[in-house]
C-alpha atoms as a PDB file:
ATOM      1  CA  UNK A   1     -15.347  -9.236   0.704  1.00  0.00           C
ATOM      2  CA  UNK A   2     -15.247 -13.006   0.516  1.00  0.00           C
ATOM      3  CA  UNK A   3     -11.847 -14.397  -0.489  1.00  0.00           C
ATOM      4  CA  UNK A   4     -10.166 -11.075   0.166  1.00  0.00           C
ATOM      5  CA  UNK A   5      -7.217 -10.156   2.346  1.00  0.00           C
ATOM      6  CA  UNK A   6      -6.025  -6.941   3.961  1.00  0.00           C
ATOM      7  CA  UNK A   7      -2.397  -5.821   4.237  1.00  0.00           C
ATOM      8  CA  UNK A   8      -1.372  -2.919   6.439  1.00  0.00           C
ATOM      9  CA  UNK A   9       2.209  -1.809   5.858  1.00  0.00           C
ATOM     10  CA  UNK A  10       4.253   0.998   7.407  1.00  0.00           C
ATOM     11  CA  UNK A  11       7.202   1.789   5.121  1.00  0.00           C
ATOM     12  CA  UNK A  12      10.250   3.460   6.680  1.00  0.00           C
ATOM     13  CA  UNK A  13      13.181   5.215   5.070  1.00  0.00           C
ATOM     14  CA  UNK A  14      13.283   8.201   2.741  1.00  0.00           C
ATOM     15  CA  UNK A  15       9.687   7.561   1.721  1.00  0.00           C
ATOM     16  CA  UNK A  16       8.175  11.032   1.982  1.00  0.00           C
ATOM     17  CA  UNK A  17       8.746  13.689  -0.647  1.00  0.00           C
ATOM     18  CA  UNK A  18       9.840  11.191  -3.299  1.00  0.00           C
ATOM     19  CA  UNK A  19       6.513  10.426  -5.007  1.00  0.00           C
ATOM     20  CA  UNK A  20       5.876   7.268  -2.973  1.00  0.00           C
ATOM     21  CA  UNK A  21       2.137   7.842  -2.512  1.00  0.00           C
ATOM     22  CA  UNK A  22       1.516   8.744  -6.142  1.00  0.00           C
ATOM     23  CA  UNK A  23       3.591   5.788  -7.345  1.00  0.00           C
ATOM     24  CA  UNK A  24       1.483   3.507  -5.133  1.00  0.00           C
ATOM     25  CA  UNK A  25      -1.740   4.967  -6.502  1.00  0.00           C
ATOM     26  CA  UNK A  26      -0.524   4.632 -10.084  1.00  0.00           C
ATOM     27  CA  UNK A  27       0.596   1.022  -9.616  1.00  0.00           C
ATOM     28  CA  UNK A  28      -2.671   0.114  -7.859  1.00  0.00           C
ATOM     29  CA  UNK A  29      -4.570   0.867 -11.052  1.00  0.00           C
ATOM     30  CA  UNK A  30      -3.014  -2.245 -12.599  1.00  0.00           C
ATOM     31  CA  UNK A  31      -4.248  -4.570  -9.858  1.00  0.00           C
ATOM     32  CA  UNK A  32      -7.589  -5.567  -8.352  1.00  0.00           C
ATOM     33  CA  UNK A  33      -6.914  -3.778  -5.057  1.00  0.00           C
ATOM     34  CA  UNK A  34      -8.590  -1.088  -2.995  1.00  0.00           C
ATOM     35  CA  UNK A  35      -7.383   0.992  -0.086  1.00  0.00           C
ATOM     36  CA  UNK A  36      -5.177   3.979   0.545  1.00  0.00           C
ATOM     37  CA  UNK A  37      -1.672   5.272   1.111  1.00  0.00           C
ATOM     38  CA  UNK A  38      -0.768   8.248   3.318  1.00  0.00           C
ATOM     39  CA  UNK A  39       2.137  10.036   4.960  1.00  0.00           C
ATOM     40  CA  UNK A  40       2.413   9.647   8.705  1.00  0.00           C
ATOM     41  CA  UNK A  41       3.713  12.233  11.195  1.00  0.00           C
ATOM     42  CA  UNK A  42       6.705  10.020  12.120  1.00  0.00           C
ATOM     43  CA  UNK A  43       8.051  10.147   8.536  1.00  0.00           C
ATOM     44  CA  UNK A  44       6.764   6.740   7.478  1.00  0.00           C
ATOM     45  CA  UNK A  45       4.175   5.970   4.809  1.00  0.00           C
ATOM     46  CA  UNK A  46       1.150   3.837   5.684  1.00  0.00           C
ATOM     47  CA  UNK A  47      -0.386   1.598   3.040  1.00  0.00           C
ATOM     48  CA  UNK A  48      -3.627  -0.347   3.426  1.00  0.00           C
ATOM     49  CA  UNK A  49      -4.582  -2.657   0.564  1.00  0.00           C
ATOM     50  CA  UNK A  50      -7.504  -5.065   0.261  1.00  0.00           C
ATOM     51  CA  UNK A  51      -8.413  -7.497  -2.465  1.00  0.00           C
ATOM     52  CA  UNK A  52      -7.727 -11.046  -3.656  1.00  0.00           C
ATOM     53  CA  UNK A  53      -4.577 -12.394  -1.961  1.00  0.00           C
ATOM     54  CA  UNK A  54      -2.641 -12.823  -5.206  1.00  0.00           C
ATOM     55  CA  UNK A  55      -3.496  -9.313  -6.402  1.00  0.00           C
ATOM     56  CA  UNK A  56      -2.560  -7.679  -3.098  1.00  0.00           C
ATOM     57  CA  UNK A  57       0.702  -9.636  -3.007  1.00  0.00           C
ATOM     58  CA  UNK A  58       1.633  -8.712  -6.559  1.00  0.00           C
ATOM     59  CA  UNK A  59       0.762  -5.047  -5.948  1.00  0.00           C
ATOM     60  CA  UNK A  60       2.873  -4.862  -2.776  1.00  0.00           C
ATOM     61  CA  UNK A  61       5.777  -6.630  -4.515  1.00  0.00           C
ATOM     62  CA  UNK A  62       5.593  -4.202  -7.458  1.00  0.00           C
ATOM     63  CA  UNK A  63       5.567  -1.203  -5.121  1.00  0.00           C
ATOM     64  CA  UNK A  64       8.509  -2.533  -3.112  1.00  0.00           C
ATOM     65  CA  UNK A  65      10.480  -3.159  -6.312  1.00  0.00           C
ATOM     66  CA  UNK A  66       9.717   0.282  -7.761  1.00  0.00           C
ATOM     67  CA  UNK A  67      10.537   2.158  -4.535  1.00  0.00           C
ATOM     68  CA  UNK A  68      13.315  -0.131  -3.233  1.00  0.00           C
ATOM     69  CA  UNK A  69      15.960   2.591  -3.198  1.00  0.00           C
ATOM     70  CA  UNK A  70      13.838   4.643  -0.754  1.00  0.00           C
ATOM     71  CA  UNK A  71      12.622   1.867   1.573  1.00  0.00           C
ATOM     72  CA  UNK A  72      14.815   1.007   4.561  1.00  0.00           C
ATOM     73  CA  UNK A  73      12.289  -1.230   6.273  1.00  0.00           C
ATOM     74  CA  UNK A  74       8.645  -2.109   6.569  1.00  0.00           C
ATOM     75  CA  UNK A  75       6.307  -3.406   9.243  1.00  0.00           C
ATOM     76  CA  UNK A  76       3.578  -5.582   7.751  1.00  0.00           C
ATOM     77  CA  UNK A  77       0.384  -6.789   9.368  1.00  0.00           C
ATOM     78  CA  UNK A  78      -2.540  -8.777   8.066  1.00  0.00           C
ATOM     79  CA  UNK A  79      -6.031  -7.687   9.003  1.00  0.00           C
ATOM     80  CA  UNK A  80      -9.650  -8.408   8.286  1.00  0.00           C
ATOM     81  CA  UNK A  81     -10.834  -6.792   5.058  1.00  0.00           C
ATOM     82  CA  UNK A  82     -13.448  -4.146   5.764  1.00  0.00           C
ATOM     83  CA  UNK A  83     -14.723  -3.921   2.213  1.00  0.00           C
ATOM     84  CA  UNK A  84     -15.398  -0.199   2.599  1.00  0.00           C
ATOM     85  CA  UNK A  85     -12.909   1.119   0.046  1.00  0.00           C
ATOM     86  CA  UNK A  86     -13.879   2.235  -3.444  1.00  0.00           C
ATOM     87  CA  UNK A  87     -10.670   2.099  -5.429  1.00  0.00           C
ATOM     88  CA  UNK A  88      -7.224   3.064  -4.230  1.00  0.00           C
ATOM     89  CA  UNK A  89      -6.484   6.617  -3.142  1.00  0.00           C
ATOM     90  CA  UNK A  90      -3.946   8.926  -1.602  1.00  0.00           C
ATOM     91  CA  UNK A  91      -5.316   9.869   1.828  1.00  0.00           C
ATOM     92  CA  UNK A  92      -4.499  13.080   3.626  1.00  0.00           C
END
């Protein structure tokens, strides 16, 4: 995936049971991103998004804005894009 970036974000707060994953999936449809979002056993939500840097940034910003009242914190890491995702999905 030349020119692509990968963001891995662990969102903390009241992020499970509030439609976070489905909101992320819905928002992702408006951006050129691929990856997944899933609930984690510790109560956080993990998001992995790959795509053009501007698209990934705009997607993450839109998700943070939409879910701001539920997010208490987030740990973000950049990684190497794997290019193995086909679209953006809720993972279980």
